[in-house]
N, C-alpha and C. Protein backbone atom coordinates (compact mmCIF):
# COMPACT_ATOMS: atom_id res chain seq x y z
N UNK A 1 15.59 38.48 -15.04
CA UNK A 1 15.07 37.87 -13.92
C UNK A 1 15.95 37.59 -12.81
N UNK A 2 17.30 37.47 -13.17
CA UNK A 2 18.42 37.26 -12.33
C UNK A 2 18.58 38.39 -11.47
N UNK A 3 18.51 39.52 -12.29
CA UNK A 3 18.87 40.83 -11.38
C UNK A 3 17.54 41.18 -10.45
N UNK A 4 16.49 40.84 -10.84
CA UNK A 4 15.21 40.97 -10.20
C UNK A 4 15.40 40.22 -8.81
N UNK A 5 15.92 38.95 -9.01
CA UNK A 5 16.11 37.87 -7.96
C UNK A 5 17.21 38.22 -6.98
N UNK A 6 18.18 38.94 -7.62
CA UNK A 6 19.35 39.34 -6.52
C UNK A 6 18.99 40.64 -5.73
N UNK A 7 18.09 41.53 -6.52
CA UNK A 7 17.48 42.59 -5.65
C UNK A 7 16.43 42.10 -4.59
N UNK A 8 15.80 41.11 -4.84
CA UNK A 8 14.90 40.56 -3.81
C UNK A 8 15.56 40.13 -2.72
N UNK A 9 16.67 39.44 -3.18
CA UNK A 9 17.52 38.78 -1.98
C UNK A 9 18.21 39.94 -1.26
N UNK A 10 18.80 40.63 -1.69
CA UNK A 10 19.16 42.09 -1.01
C UNK A 10 18.29 42.86 0.03
N UNK A 11 16.87 42.67 -0.42
CA UNK A 11 15.70 42.99 0.47
C UNK A 11 15.21 41.76 1.20
N UNK A 12 15.89 40.81 1.54
CA UNK A 12 15.97 39.76 2.54
C UNK A 12 15.03 38.54 1.98
N UNK A 13 14.68 38.61 0.85
CA UNK A 13 13.73 37.37 0.35
C UNK A 13 14.71 36.16 -0.12
N UNK A 14 14.06 35.07 0.24
CA UNK A 14 14.68 33.87 0.05
C UNK A 14 14.75 33.68 -1.66
N UNK A 15 15.84 33.74 -2.29
CA UNK A 15 15.70 33.54 -3.93
C UNK A 15 16.80 32.74 -4.08
N UNK A 16 16.33 31.98 -4.99
CA UNK A 16 17.50 30.76 -5.59
C UNK A 16 17.24 31.02 -7.02
N UNK A 17 18.68 31.21 -7.64
CA UNK A 17 18.45 31.27 -9.12
C UNK A 17 19.45 29.93 -9.59
N UNK A 18 18.91 29.39 -10.63
CA UNK A 18 19.32 27.94 -11.10
C UNK A 18 19.43 28.02 -12.56
N UNK A 19 20.92 27.81 -12.92
CA UNK A 19 21.38 27.94 -14.22
C UNK A 19 21.61 26.38 -14.51
N UNK A 20 21.08 25.55 -15.49
CA UNK A 20 21.03 24.26 -15.76
C UNK A 20 22.52 23.95 -16.11
N UNK A 21 23.19 24.75 -17.07
CA UNK A 21 24.75 24.56 -17.41
C UNK A 21 25.66 24.73 -16.11
N UNK A 22 24.95 25.05 -15.03
CA UNK A 22 26.01 25.35 -13.82
C UNK A 22 25.70 24.13 -12.75
N UNK A 23 24.64 23.65 -12.95
CA UNK A 23 24.03 22.64 -11.88
C UNK A 23 22.65 22.29 -12.07
N UNK A 24 22.33 21.42 -11.21
CA UNK A 24 20.93 20.58 -11.40
C UNK A 24 20.03 21.57 -10.58
N UNK A 25 18.70 21.83 -11.18
CA UNK A 25 17.61 22.27 -10.68
C UNK A 25 17.14 21.69 -9.40
N UNK A 26 16.97 22.11 -8.23
CA UNK A 26 16.31 21.56 -7.22
C UNK A 26 15.11 21.42 -7.03
N UNK A 27 14.49 20.60 -7.89
CA UNK A 27 12.88 20.64 -7.84
C UNK A 27 11.96 20.54 -6.65
N UNK A 28 12.46 20.09 -5.52
CA UNK A 28 11.91 19.97 -4.28
C UNK A 28 11.73 21.52 -3.94
N UNK A 29 12.71 22.30 -3.92
CA UNK A 29 12.69 23.78 -3.53
C UNK A 29 12.02 24.50 -4.50
N UNK A 30 12.01 24.24 -5.69
CA UNK A 30 11.13 25.00 -6.81
C UNK A 30 9.79 24.73 -6.47
N UNK A 31 9.38 23.49 -6.07
CA UNK A 31 8.04 23.30 -5.84
C UNK A 31 7.60 23.79 -4.63
N UNK A 32 8.46 24.17 -3.89
CA UNK A 32 8.02 24.78 -2.30
C UNK A 32 7.94 26.43 -2.47
N UNK A 33 8.19 26.92 -3.65
CA UNK A 33 8.15 28.39 -3.91
C UNK A 33 7.12 29.07 -4.10
N UNK A 34 7.06 30.31 -3.87
CA UNK A 34 5.82 31.07 -3.70
C UNK A 34 5.60 31.55 -5.17
N UNK A 35 6.46 31.83 -5.79
CA UNK A 35 6.23 32.27 -7.29
C UNK A 35 7.66 31.77 -7.95
N UNK A 36 7.79 31.43 -9.14
CA UNK A 36 8.82 30.96 -10.01
C UNK A 36 8.90 31.75 -11.38
N UNK A 37 10.11 32.12 -11.54
CA UNK A 37 10.43 33.09 -12.81
C UNK A 37 11.40 32.27 -13.72
N UNK A 38 10.90 32.14 -14.89
CA UNK A 38 11.49 31.29 -15.89
C UNK A 38 12.09 32.50 -17.04
N UNK A 39 13.25 32.56 -17.26
CA UNK A 39 13.75 33.29 -18.57
C UNK A 39 14.41 32.31 -19.36
N UNK A 40 14.15 32.61 -20.70
CA UNK A 40 14.63 31.63 -21.78
C UNK A 40 15.07 32.32 -23.00
N UNK A 41 15.88 31.89 -23.69
CA UNK A 41 16.45 32.07 -25.06
C UNK A 41 15.76 31.15 -25.87
N UNK A 42 15.94 31.27 -27.23
CA UNK A 42 15.22 30.49 -28.26
C UNK A 42 15.86 29.04 -28.14
N UNK A 43 17.25 28.74 -27.72
CA UNK A 43 17.43 27.38 -27.45
C UNK A 43 16.99 26.45 -26.25
N UNK A 44 16.55 27.34 -25.46
CA UNK A 44 16.08 26.70 -24.21
C UNK A 44 14.51 26.89 -24.05
N UNK A 45 13.74 27.45 -24.99
CA UNK A 45 12.31 27.81 -24.77
C UNK A 45 11.43 26.63 -24.49
N UNK A 46 11.66 25.54 -25.31
CA UNK A 46 10.99 24.44 -25.32
C UNK A 46 10.94 23.77 -23.72
N UNK A 47 12.17 23.72 -23.18
CA UNK A 47 12.47 23.02 -22.03
C UNK A 47 11.92 24.18 -20.80
N UNK A 48 12.01 25.37 -21.23
CA UNK A 48 11.48 26.40 -20.15
C UNK A 48 9.90 26.19 -20.13
N UNK A 49 9.33 26.15 -21.35
CA UNK A 49 7.83 25.85 -21.30
C UNK A 49 7.42 24.69 -20.50
N UNK A 50 8.15 23.59 -20.71
CA UNK A 50 7.78 22.25 -19.84
C UNK A 50 8.12 22.66 -18.23
N UNK A 51 9.11 23.24 -17.98
CA UNK A 51 9.48 23.72 -16.52
C UNK A 51 8.21 24.51 -16.10
N UNK A 52 7.85 25.56 -16.84
CA UNK A 52 6.67 26.35 -16.38
C UNK A 52 5.41 25.59 -16.29
N UNK A 53 5.24 24.62 -17.05
CA UNK A 53 4.12 23.84 -16.93
C UNK A 53 4.00 22.97 -15.40
N UNK A 54 5.16 22.32 -15.43
CA UNK A 54 5.43 21.50 -14.22
C UNK A 54 5.06 22.41 -12.76
N UNK A 55 5.84 23.61 -12.91
CA UNK A 55 5.57 24.54 -11.77
C UNK A 55 4.06 24.98 -11.63
N UNK A 56 3.33 25.18 -12.66
CA UNK A 56 1.91 25.73 -12.74
C UNK A 56 1.13 24.71 -12.33
N UNK A 57 1.47 23.36 -12.85
CA UNK A 57 0.64 22.23 -12.32
C UNK A 57 0.72 22.01 -11.02
N UNK A 58 1.54 22.44 -10.24
CA UNK A 58 1.72 22.35 -8.74
C UNK A 58 1.07 23.52 -7.97
N UNK A 59 0.50 24.33 -8.70
CA UNK A 59 -0.24 25.57 -8.38
C UNK A 59 0.54 26.72 -7.85
N UNK A 60 1.58 27.00 -8.51
CA UNK A 60 2.53 28.07 -8.25
C UNK A 60 2.56 29.10 -9.35
N UNK A 61 2.38 30.14 -9.22
CA UNK A 61 2.33 31.11 -10.06
C UNK A 61 3.74 31.28 -10.82
N UNK A 62 3.70 31.38 -12.29
CA UNK A 62 5.06 31.36 -13.06
C UNK A 62 5.01 32.71 -13.84
N UNK A 63 6.16 33.33 -13.88
CA UNK A 63 6.60 34.42 -14.78
C UNK A 63 7.27 33.92 -15.63
N UNK A 64 7.25 33.85 -17.09
CA UNK A 64 8.12 33.59 -18.04
C UNK A 64 8.49 34.89 -18.84
N UNK A 65 9.89 35.10 -18.97
CA UNK A 65 10.39 36.19 -19.70
C UNK A 65 11.64 35.69 -20.23
N UNK A 66 12.34 36.83 -20.89
CA UNK A 66 13.65 36.66 -21.57
C UNK A 66 13.51 37.09 -22.96
N UNK A 67 14.57 36.84 -23.63
CA UNK A 67 14.60 37.33 -24.93
C UNK A 67 13.51 36.38 -26.28
N UNK A 68 13.53 35.21 -25.79
CA UNK A 68 12.89 34.51 -26.92
C UNK A 68 11.42 35.02 -26.70
N UNK A 69 10.74 34.77 -25.49
CA UNK A 69 9.48 35.16 -25.30
C UNK A 69 8.92 36.62 -25.84
N UNK A 70 10.01 37.51 -25.47
CA UNK A 70 9.81 39.02 -25.92
C UNK A 70 9.78 39.14 -27.38
N UNK A 71 10.82 38.47 -27.99
CA UNK A 71 10.73 38.66 -29.51
C UNK A 71 10.02 37.79 -30.42
N UNK A 72 9.27 36.71 -29.76
CA UNK A 72 8.58 35.96 -30.59
C UNK A 72 7.06 35.77 -30.11
N UNK A 73 6.26 37.23 -30.35
CA UNK A 73 5.01 37.08 -29.69
C UNK A 73 3.97 36.14 -29.98
N UNK A 74 4.14 35.44 -30.97
CA UNK A 74 3.43 34.22 -31.21
C UNK A 74 3.62 33.21 -30.17
N UNK A 75 4.69 33.08 -29.57
CA UNK A 75 4.99 32.20 -28.67
C UNK A 75 4.45 32.55 -27.29
N UNK A 76 3.86 33.68 -27.14
CA UNK A 76 3.02 34.28 -25.83
C UNK A 76 1.89 33.42 -25.82
N UNK A 77 1.22 32.95 -26.88
CA UNK A 77 0.17 31.90 -26.82
C UNK A 77 0.56 30.63 -26.42
N UNK A 78 1.75 30.37 -26.55
CA UNK A 78 2.23 28.94 -26.32
C UNK A 78 2.54 29.06 -24.84
N UNK A 79 3.16 30.09 -24.22
CA UNK A 79 3.44 30.45 -22.97
C UNK A 79 2.29 30.11 -22.10
N UNK A 80 1.18 30.85 -22.69
CA UNK A 80 -0.02 30.99 -21.97
C UNK A 80 -0.62 29.55 -21.64
N UNK A 81 -0.65 28.78 -22.87
CA UNK A 81 -1.27 27.31 -23.00
C UNK A 81 -0.22 26.49 -21.89
N UNK A 82 1.20 26.56 -21.91
CA UNK A 82 1.83 25.78 -20.84
C UNK A 82 1.79 26.23 -19.50
N UNK A 83 1.02 27.23 -19.07
CA UNK A 83 0.73 27.58 -17.93
C UNK A 83 1.36 28.98 -17.26
N UNK A 84 1.91 29.71 -18.01
CA UNK A 84 2.60 30.83 -17.73
C UNK A 84 1.29 31.72 -17.03
N UNK A 85 1.67 32.40 -16.05
CA UNK A 85 0.67 33.41 -15.30
C UNK A 85 1.03 34.92 -15.78
N UNK A 86 2.15 35.27 -16.02
CA UNK A 86 2.76 36.50 -16.38
C UNK A 86 3.85 36.34 -17.49
N UNK A 87 3.71 37.32 -18.51
CA UNK A 87 5.09 37.39 -19.43
C UNK A 87 5.81 38.65 -19.11
N UNK A 88 7.04 38.53 -18.90
CA UNK A 88 8.03 39.62 -18.81
C UNK A 88 8.59 39.84 -20.14
N UNK A 89 8.34 41.16 -20.81
CA UNK A 89 8.96 41.54 -21.93
C UNK A 89 10.32 42.41 -21.58
N UNK A 90 11.41 42.09 -22.39
CA UNK A 90 12.54 42.72 -21.92
C UNK A 90 13.34 42.77 -23.23
N UNK A 91 14.17 43.85 -23.51
CA UNK A 91 14.09 45.25 -23.04
C UNK A 91 12.82 46.09 -23.74
N UNK A 92 12.28 46.57 -22.85
CA UNK A 92 10.96 47.78 -23.64
C UNK A 92 11.94 48.89 -24.05
N UNK A 93 13.00 49.14 -23.32
CA UNK A 93 13.84 50.24 -23.83
C UNK A 93 15.10 49.78 -23.50
N UNK A 94 16.24 50.42 -24.28
CA UNK A 94 17.57 49.95 -23.93
C UNK A 94 18.05 50.23 -22.57
N UNK A 95 18.68 49.38 -21.92
CA UNK A 95 18.93 49.64 -20.68
C UNK A 95 20.37 49.65 -20.09
N UNK A 96 20.75 50.35 -19.23
CA UNK A 96 22.24 50.32 -18.72
C UNK A 96 22.49 48.94 -17.80
N UNK A 97 21.50 48.29 -17.44
CA UNK A 97 21.88 47.10 -16.50
C UNK A 97 21.83 45.88 -17.54
N UNK A 98 21.51 46.11 -18.69
CA UNK A 98 21.77 44.86 -19.87
C UNK A 98 22.18 45.65 -21.06
N UNK A 99 23.40 46.25 -21.09
CA UNK A 99 23.56 46.87 -22.43
C UNK A 99 23.85 45.90 -23.76
N UNK A 100 23.88 44.61 -23.28
CA UNK A 100 23.97 43.41 -24.46
C UNK A 100 22.77 43.40 -25.37
N UNK A 101 21.89 43.82 -24.76
CA UNK A 101 20.43 43.79 -25.34
C UNK A 101 20.05 45.06 -25.96
N UNK A 102 20.64 45.26 -27.27
CA UNK A 102 20.31 46.42 -27.91
C UNK A 102 19.07 46.55 -28.71
N UNK A 103 18.43 45.43 -28.92
CA UNK A 103 17.05 45.37 -29.91
C UNK A 103 15.95 45.65 -28.85
N UNK A 104 15.53 47.02 -28.70
CA UNK A 104 14.42 47.20 -27.75
C UNK A 104 13.15 47.00 -28.42
N UNK A 105 12.18 46.59 -27.54
CA UNK A 105 10.72 46.27 -28.32
C UNK A 105 10.18 47.76 -28.44
N UNK A 106 10.38 48.75 -27.40
CA UNK A 106 9.65 50.12 -27.76
C UNK A 106 8.23 49.87 -27.90
N UNK A 107 7.64 51.30 -27.76
CA UNK A 107 6.01 51.10 -27.49
C UNK A 107 5.54 50.40 -28.72
N UNK A 108 5.96 50.52 -29.70
CA UNK A 108 5.20 49.91 -31.03
C UNK A 108 5.46 48.58 -30.90
N UNK A 109 6.16 48.02 -30.17
CA UNK A 109 6.29 46.42 -30.23
C UNK A 109 5.52 45.80 -29.04
N UNK A 110 4.89 46.68 -28.08
CA UNK A 110 3.80 46.10 -27.17
C UNK A 110 2.69 45.51 -27.74
N UNK A 111 2.11 46.35 -28.63
CA UNK A 111 0.77 46.08 -29.19
C UNK A 111 0.55 44.61 -29.59
N UNK A 112 1.49 44.05 -30.58
CA UNK A 112 1.29 42.66 -31.04
C UNK A 112 1.44 41.77 -30.00
N UNK A 113 2.29 41.89 -29.11
CA UNK A 113 2.27 41.10 -28.02
C UNK A 113 0.88 41.00 -27.07
N UNK A 114 0.60 42.25 -26.90
CA UNK A 114 -0.55 42.22 -26.20
C UNK A 114 -1.94 41.73 -26.82
N UNK A 115 -1.89 41.61 -28.20
CA UNK A 115 -3.12 41.03 -29.07
C UNK A 115 -2.79 39.65 -28.96
N UNK A 116 -1.70 39.02 -28.87
CA UNK A 116 -1.26 37.60 -29.01
C UNK A 116 -1.65 36.84 -27.61
N UNK A 117 -1.92 37.66 -26.36
CA UNK A 117 -2.07 36.90 -25.16
C UNK A 117 -2.90 37.50 -24.23
N UNK A 118 -3.58 36.89 -23.47
CA UNK A 118 -4.50 37.55 -22.28
C UNK A 118 -3.82 37.76 -21.23
N UNK A 119 -2.32 37.02 -21.03
CA UNK A 119 -1.59 36.95 -19.81
C UNK A 119 -1.40 38.46 -19.45
N UNK A 120 -1.15 38.87 -18.12
CA UNK A 120 -0.66 40.09 -17.89
C UNK A 120 0.86 40.20 -18.05
N UNK A 121 1.22 41.25 -18.93
CA UNK A 121 2.74 41.74 -19.48
C UNK A 121 3.23 42.60 -18.55
N UNK A 122 4.54 42.32 -18.09
CA UNK A 122 5.11 43.22 -17.32
C UNK A 122 6.63 43.50 -18.07
N UNK A 123 6.46 44.85 -18.27
CA UNK A 123 7.80 45.60 -18.94
C UNK A 123 9.09 45.75 -18.17
N UNK A 124 10.00 45.22 -18.63
CA UNK A 124 11.33 45.28 -18.22
C UNK A 124 12.50 46.14 -19.01
N UNK A 125 13.23 47.08 -18.67
CA UNK A 125 14.13 47.66 -19.32
C UNK A 125 13.75 49.15 -19.25
N UNK A 126 14.69 49.83 -18.30
CA UNK A 126 14.59 51.49 -18.43
C UNK A 126 13.06 51.86 -18.25
N UNK A 127 12.43 51.12 -17.29
CA UNK A 127 11.23 51.52 -16.82
C UNK A 127 11.43 52.68 -15.70
N UNK A 128 10.57 53.85 -15.80
CA UNK A 128 10.70 54.88 -14.83
C UNK A 128 9.61 55.67 -14.79
N UNK A 129 9.58 56.69 -14.09
CA UNK A 129 8.44 57.70 -13.98
C UNK A 129 8.30 58.46 -15.14
N UNK A 130 9.27 58.51 -16.32
CA UNK A 130 9.02 59.26 -17.33
C UNK A 130 8.31 58.55 -18.32
N UNK A 131 8.24 57.23 -18.27
CA UNK A 131 7.67 56.28 -19.32
C UNK A 131 6.50 55.27 -18.79
N UNK A 132 6.31 55.32 -17.66
CA UNK A 132 5.32 54.31 -17.10
C UNK A 132 3.98 54.40 -17.45
N UNK A 133 3.48 55.76 -17.68
CA UNK A 133 2.20 55.93 -18.16
C UNK A 133 2.21 55.55 -19.76
N UNK A 134 3.06 55.85 -20.55
CA UNK A 134 3.26 55.42 -21.98
C UNK A 134 3.00 53.93 -22.06
N UNK A 135 3.73 53.21 -21.32
CA UNK A 135 4.02 51.70 -21.58
C UNK A 135 2.64 51.05 -21.05
N UNK A 136 1.94 51.60 -20.20
CA UNK A 136 0.85 51.01 -19.67
C UNK A 136 -0.39 51.22 -20.68
N UNK A 137 -0.19 52.51 -21.28
CA UNK A 137 -1.34 52.99 -22.32
C UNK A 137 -1.23 51.87 -23.54
N UNK A 138 0.25 51.67 -23.81
CA UNK A 138 0.37 50.84 -25.09
C UNK A 138 0.07 49.57 -24.70
N UNK A 139 -0.14 49.03 -23.60
CA UNK A 139 -0.65 47.62 -23.55
C UNK A 139 -0.06 46.80 -22.27
N UNK A 140 0.94 47.42 -21.73
CA UNK A 140 1.54 46.59 -20.42
C UNK A 140 0.70 46.72 -19.22
N UNK A 141 0.72 45.69 -18.43
CA UNK A 141 -0.04 45.72 -17.06
C UNK A 141 0.77 46.12 -16.04
N UNK A 142 2.05 46.02 -16.24
CA UNK A 142 2.85 46.53 -15.02
C UNK A 142 4.32 46.75 -15.57
N UNK A 143 5.27 47.08 -14.62
CA UNK A 143 6.47 47.37 -14.80
C UNK A 143 7.41 46.68 -14.00
N UNK A 144 8.63 46.38 -14.32
CA UNK A 144 9.67 46.00 -13.21
C UNK A 144 10.71 47.00 -13.22
N UNK A 145 11.30 47.38 -12.22
CA UNK A 145 11.96 48.63 -12.13
C UNK A 145 13.06 48.11 -11.30
N UNK A 146 14.34 48.76 -11.78
CA UNK A 146 15.68 48.66 -10.76
C UNK A 146 16.24 49.93 -10.65
N UNK A 147 16.99 50.52 -11.60
CA UNK A 147 17.61 51.76 -11.11
C UNK A 147 16.82 52.80 -11.03
N UNK A 148 15.34 52.90 -11.44
CA UNK A 148 14.42 53.79 -11.18
C UNK A 148 14.08 54.14 -9.77
N UNK A 149 14.37 52.99 -8.95
CA UNK A 149 14.07 53.43 -7.72
C UNK A 149 15.36 53.09 -6.88
N UNK A 150 16.23 52.30 -7.08
CA UNK A 150 17.27 51.83 -6.49
C UNK A 150 18.50 52.93 -6.45
N UNK A 151 18.45 53.57 -7.47
CA UNK A 151 19.52 54.62 -7.76
C UNK A 151 19.18 55.95 -7.32
N UNK A 152 18.02 56.08 -6.67
CA UNK A 152 17.26 57.20 -6.09
C UNK A 152 17.75 57.58 -4.72
N UNK A 153 17.87 58.75 -4.15
CA UNK A 153 18.23 58.76 -2.75
C UNK A 153 17.03 58.42 -1.83
N UNK A 154 15.58 58.67 -2.43
CA UNK A 154 14.37 58.28 -1.67
C UNK A 154 13.84 57.36 -2.51
N UNK A 155 14.12 56.09 -2.43
CA UNK A 155 13.39 54.90 -3.04
C UNK A 155 11.91 54.80 -3.01
N UNK A 156 11.48 55.21 -1.78
CA UNK A 156 9.96 55.21 -1.68
C UNK A 156 9.42 56.29 -2.55
N UNK A 157 9.87 57.57 -2.70
CA UNK A 157 9.38 58.29 -3.30
C UNK A 157 9.33 58.09 -4.79
N UNK A 158 10.24 57.79 -5.22
CA UNK A 158 10.70 57.25 -6.64
C UNK A 158 9.62 56.28 -6.91
N UNK A 159 9.44 55.27 -6.27
CA UNK A 159 8.21 54.23 -6.37
C UNK A 159 7.03 54.71 -6.55
N UNK A 160 6.89 55.82 -5.60
CA UNK A 160 5.46 56.40 -5.58
C UNK A 160 5.07 57.36 -7.06
N UNK A 161 6.08 58.02 -7.30
CA UNK A 161 6.00 58.51 -8.67
C UNK A 161 5.83 57.68 -9.73
N UNK A 162 6.36 56.49 -9.91
CA UNK A 162 6.05 55.55 -10.81
C UNK A 162 4.52 54.98 -10.81
N UNK A 163 4.15 54.73 -9.48
CA UNK A 163 2.64 54.22 -9.20
C UNK A 163 1.92 55.13 -9.58
N UNK A 164 1.94 56.65 -9.54
CA UNK A 164 1.12 57.51 -9.76
C UNK A 164 0.99 57.60 -11.34
N UNK A 165 1.98 57.52 -12.10
CA UNK A 165 2.16 57.40 -13.39
C UNK A 165 1.12 56.48 -14.07
N UNK A 166 1.43 55.04 -13.44
CA UNK A 166 0.55 53.92 -13.76
C UNK A 166 -0.77 54.10 -13.47
N UNK A 167 -1.25 54.57 -12.45
CA UNK A 167 -2.71 55.10 -12.03
C UNK A 167 -3.23 56.23 -13.02
N UNK A 168 -2.24 56.92 -13.36
CA UNK A 168 -2.78 58.07 -14.35
C UNK A 168 -3.07 57.27 -15.77
N UNK A 169 -2.16 56.54 -16.08
CA UNK A 169 -2.50 55.61 -17.38
C UNK A 169 -3.92 55.06 -17.42
N UNK A 170 -4.24 54.42 -16.14
CA UNK A 170 -5.25 53.62 -16.13
C UNK A 170 -6.53 54.36 -15.61
N UNK A 171 -6.39 55.88 -15.73
CA UNK A 171 -7.52 56.96 -15.64
C UNK A 171 -7.82 56.79 -14.08
N UNK A 172 -7.20 56.57 -13.33
CA UNK A 172 -7.46 56.55 -11.83
C UNK A 172 -6.87 57.81 -10.91
N UNK A 173 -6.22 58.48 -11.55
CA UNK A 173 -5.86 59.79 -10.95
C UNK A 173 -6.38 61.11 -11.64
């Protein structure tokens, strides 16, 4: 989520990233947000769920992602109960932007998470026009892309190709 935040900031959006070990969370600013993303590892999962619940109770959509939620599909149910609006699963495939995450979910890992929750699932990690159709068919609701559009000479055309593959997966093309 920090990478997505950085990209949004570069596109002109007002983005704040809080890392508790580096400083306090500005809750006034958080509660004034349009959407909040929470990324968590196992040691911070319970606190992340409480944060998500607090934000959701304020009427703000929450995206919960990170390694813990991704690799603990049963916890997807807890994230849903705590107020998450979406789940970010990462990495679906090994990615150049996060080489330290070597354990990919893969197509076969999407199904168990899909069955564990009704929340929309957003795939992160090497999402592009060659796999967007297959990951949607496997159970994802959407994909988050970085290099698949940012590293292309024509970002709009690249985004359009990915969208066409998503529509194809949904039987709309």
